[in-house]
Protein backbone atom coordinates (compact mmCIF):
# COMPACT_ATOMS: atom_id res chain seq x y z
CA MET A 1 50.42 220.59 167.56
CA THR A 2 54.18 219.61 168.33
CA ALA A 3 56.89 222.09 168.20
CA MET A 4 59.52 223.14 165.31
CA SER A 5 62.99 221.39 166.51
CA THR A 6 66.33 221.88 164.99
CA HIS A 7 68.01 218.36 163.59
CA VAL A 8 71.00 218.27 161.46
CA ALA A 9 71.02 215.59 158.43
CA PHE A 10 74.13 212.64 158.52
CA LEU A 11 73.90 212.43 154.54
CA ARG A 12 75.85 209.18 153.05
CA ALA A 13 77.32 208.41 149.10
CA LEU A 14 75.91 212.20 148.04
CA ASN A 15 79.38 213.40 146.60
CA VAL A 16 81.29 209.78 146.27
CA GLY A 17 81.57 207.70 142.85
CA GLY A 18 81.10 210.06 140.26
CA ARG A 19 78.04 212.29 141.67
CA ARG A 20 78.21 215.33 142.46
CA LEU A 21 74.75 217.46 143.83
CA THR A 22 75.94 221.14 145.12
CA ASN A 23 74.93 222.53 148.92
CA GLU A 24 72.74 224.71 146.62
CA GLU A 25 71.60 221.46 144.95
CA LEU A 26 71.23 219.84 148.63
CA CYS A 27 69.33 221.86 149.62
CA SER A 28 66.74 222.40 147.32
CA HIS A 29 65.98 218.93 147.16
CA VAL A 30 65.68 219.34 151.24
CA GLU A 31 63.66 222.37 151.30
CA SER A 32 61.59 220.86 148.44
CA LEU A 33 60.27 217.83 151.04
CA GLY A 34 59.31 220.63 153.40
CA PHE A 35 61.87 221.25 156.20
CA SER A 36 62.29 224.98 156.77
CA GLY A 37 65.06 226.80 157.64
CA VAL A 38 67.71 224.50 155.78
CA PHE A 39 70.94 225.10 155.41
CA THR A 40 74.69 222.88 155.08
CA TYR A 41 78.11 223.52 157.02
CA ARG A 42 80.49 222.01 155.12
CA ALA A 43 80.20 220.25 150.63
CA SER A 44 79.88 216.07 153.03
CA GLY A 45 76.12 215.83 153.08
CA ASN A 46 75.13 218.32 156.49
CA VAL A 47 72.38 219.08 156.29
CA VAL A 48 70.48 221.38 158.81
CA LEU A 49 66.27 221.11 158.86
CA GLU A 50 64.21 222.34 160.94
CA SER A 51 60.45 220.41 161.20
CA GLU A 52 57.84 219.16 164.07
CA ASN A 53 58.30 215.31 162.99
CA THR A 54 60.19 212.28 164.67
CA ARG A 55 63.94 211.70 163.83
CA GLU A 56 62.90 208.54 162.43
CA ASN A 57 59.77 210.07 160.76
CA ILE A 58 62.79 212.36 159.32
CA GLU A 59 64.83 210.20 157.71
CA VAL A 60 62.82 207.92 156.10
CA ALA A 61 61.47 211.52 154.12
CA LEU A 62 64.89 211.76 153.18
CA GLU A 63 65.80 209.01 152.05
CA LYS A 64 63.03 208.56 149.83
CA GLY A 65 62.61 212.14 149.01
CA LEU A 66 66.55 212.81 147.70
CA SER A 67 66.80 209.39 146.63
CA ALA A 68 63.83 209.55 144.11
CA ALA A 69 65.13 212.59 142.91
CA LEU A 70 68.73 211.73 142.82
CA GLY A 71 67.91 207.97 140.88
CA TYR A 72 70.60 206.43 144.14
CA ASP A 73 69.80 205.93 147.38
CA VAL A 74 71.20 208.32 150.39
CA PRO A 75 71.05 207.20 153.35
CA ALA A 76 70.47 209.35 155.92
CA MET A 77 70.77 209.38 160.21
CA VAL A 78 69.54 212.62 161.39
CA ARG A 79 70.41 213.90 165.20
CA SER A 80 68.55 216.77 166.61
CA VAL A 81 70.85 219.28 167.65
CA GLU A 82 70.98 218.43 171.47
CA ASP A 83 72.00 214.83 170.49
CA LEU A 84 75.10 216.54 169.17
CA ARG A 85 75.85 218.94 172.21
CA SER A 86 75.45 215.08 174.33
CA LEU A 87 77.50 213.75 171.74
CA ILE A 88 80.77 216.44 171.93
CA GLY A 89 79.43 216.62 175.63
CA ALA A 90 79.89 212.37 176.16
CA ALA A 91 83.32 212.02 173.63
CA PRO A 92 85.50 208.98 175.22
CA PHE A 93 88.50 210.40 174.52
CA SER A 94 91.50 211.79 176.55
CA GLU A 95 94.40 214.46 174.55
CA ALA A 96 96.35 211.02 176.13
CA ASP A 97 94.21 208.93 173.69
CA ILE A 98 95.08 211.55 170.60
CA ILE A 99 98.65 210.02 169.90
CA GLY A 100 98.80 210.33 166.50
CA THR A 101 97.53 212.06 163.64
CA GLY A 102 94.20 210.96 164.08
CA ARG A 103 91.28 212.91 165.02
CA PRO A 104 87.96 211.65 166.97
CA GLN A 105 85.08 210.92 164.93
CA VAL A 106 81.48 209.75 165.78
CA MET A 107 79.97 206.79 163.31
CA PHE A 108 76.05 207.76 163.63
CA LEU A 109 73.81 204.84 163.05
CA LYS A 110 70.60 204.00 161.81
CA VAL A 111 69.89 201.97 164.88
CA ALA A 112 71.14 201.83 168.46
CA VAL A 113 74.37 199.53 168.61
CA PRO A 114 73.39 195.91 168.25
CA ILE A 115 76.40 194.32 169.60
CA ASP A 116 79.34 194.59 172.14
CA VAL A 117 81.37 197.03 168.98
CA SER A 118 85.02 196.14 171.09
CA HIS A 119 86.14 193.36 169.35
CA PHE A 120 86.75 195.25 166.28
CA ALA A 121 89.49 197.90 167.83
CA THR A 122 92.75 197.66 166.95
CA GLU A 123 95.93 198.63 168.65
CA VAL A 124 95.51 201.63 166.21
CA ASP A 125 92.05 202.35 166.39
CA LEU A 126 89.37 202.85 169.86
CA LEU A 127 85.82 202.02 169.65
CA VAL A 128 83.39 203.26 171.89
CA ALA A 129 79.67 202.50 171.89
CA SER A 130 77.37 205.04 173.42
CA HIS A 131 73.21 203.81 172.02
CA SER A 132 73.32 205.49 168.53
CA ASP A 133 76.19 206.04 168.04
CA LEU A 134 80.05 205.01 167.93
CA PHE A 135 83.39 207.12 168.66
CA TRP A 136 85.45 205.77 166.89
CA LEU A 137 89.49 207.33 167.42
CA PRO A 138 91.93 206.21 164.44
CA ILE A 139 94.95 206.68 165.47
CA ASP A 140 97.25 207.38 162.88
CA GLY A 141 94.45 208.96 161.09
CA ILE A 142 91.28 207.18 158.55
CA SER A 143 93.81 206.42 155.57
CA ASN A 144 95.71 204.26 158.24
CA THR A 145 93.24 202.68 159.86
CA ARG A 146 92.75 198.89 160.68
CA LEU A 147 89.17 198.88 161.85
CA ASP A 148 87.61 196.70 159.36
CA ILE A 149 84.82 199.41 158.59
CA ARG A 150 82.62 196.46 156.17
CA GLU A 151 83.36 193.37 158.70
CA LEU A 152 81.23 196.17 161.39
CA GLU A 153 78.71 197.08 158.70
CA LYS A 154 77.34 193.62 158.45
CA GLU A 155 77.42 193.52 162.52
CA VAL A 156 76.33 197.93 163.61
CA GLY A 157 74.65 198.42 159.96
CA THR A 158 74.62 201.79 157.64
CA HIS A 159 76.85 204.58 158.83
CA THR A 160 78.11 206.96 158.37
CA VAL A 161 81.51 209.12 160.05
CA ARG A 162 81.79 213.10 161.24
CA THR A 163 84.34 214.29 162.86
CA ILE A 164 83.83 215.59 166.41
CA GLY A 165 85.45 219.24 165.41
CA THR A 166 81.83 218.60 162.40
CA LEU A 167 80.16 218.43 165.43
CA GLU A 168 81.58 221.42 166.86
CA GLY A 169 81.40 223.25 163.50
CA ILE A 170 77.65 222.65 163.31
CA VAL A 171 76.59 223.52 166.94
CA LYS A 172 78.69 226.38 166.34
CA LYS A 173 76.58 227.84 163.46
CA VAL A 174 73.41 226.52 164.42
CA GLY A 175 74.22 228.42 167.91
CA SER A 176 75.26 232.24 165.48
CA ARG A 177 72.15 231.58 163.27
CA GLY A 178 69.69 232.06 165.57
C-alpha cells in the first residue's frame, strides 16, 4: 500500500461566470470523493488534500467528481507539496526583473510543456518553461498583459495561474498544520 501524500489541486473556473462555490462546499465535495485532510487556501480553487493516488489519478477523480456534482467542467492541475517547494526555489525571475507592478506567476499545465514558448513572450511578459509549468512575469500586471493567453492555451493546453506568493502561502499553511 502506498503512503498518504499531501497534494494541492489548483482548480480552474470555479467562481466565474456567475458561479459561486464557498470553500466549505468545495471541501465537502472533495471529501465526498474519498480524499482526507482537505482544506482550502483562499477562495480561488486551491485545495490541499491527502491521498495515496498518483497526481494523474487525483486529477481525474477531482475532474469527474466535481464536474458531476457541480454540473460544469472543473479542470484540475495537481502538484505535490514537494513540487511546490521546487517551483518556489526555481522561480527564474530576479528582483531586477520585477520592475513594474506585476508579480511572478506560475501557469500550471495538464502535461509537460510541449513546445518552445519563448515566442509568446513580449516586452512586458516574460515566460520561462519548467516541465509541466510555465513561469510568467507580467511586468505591468495581469490586467495590462500583452501575452496572447488564448493562443498560448492552443499550444500548451488547459492551464490555471497562481502567484508565487500564493504557492508560498500554501506551503507555509501545510507546514504549520503538520
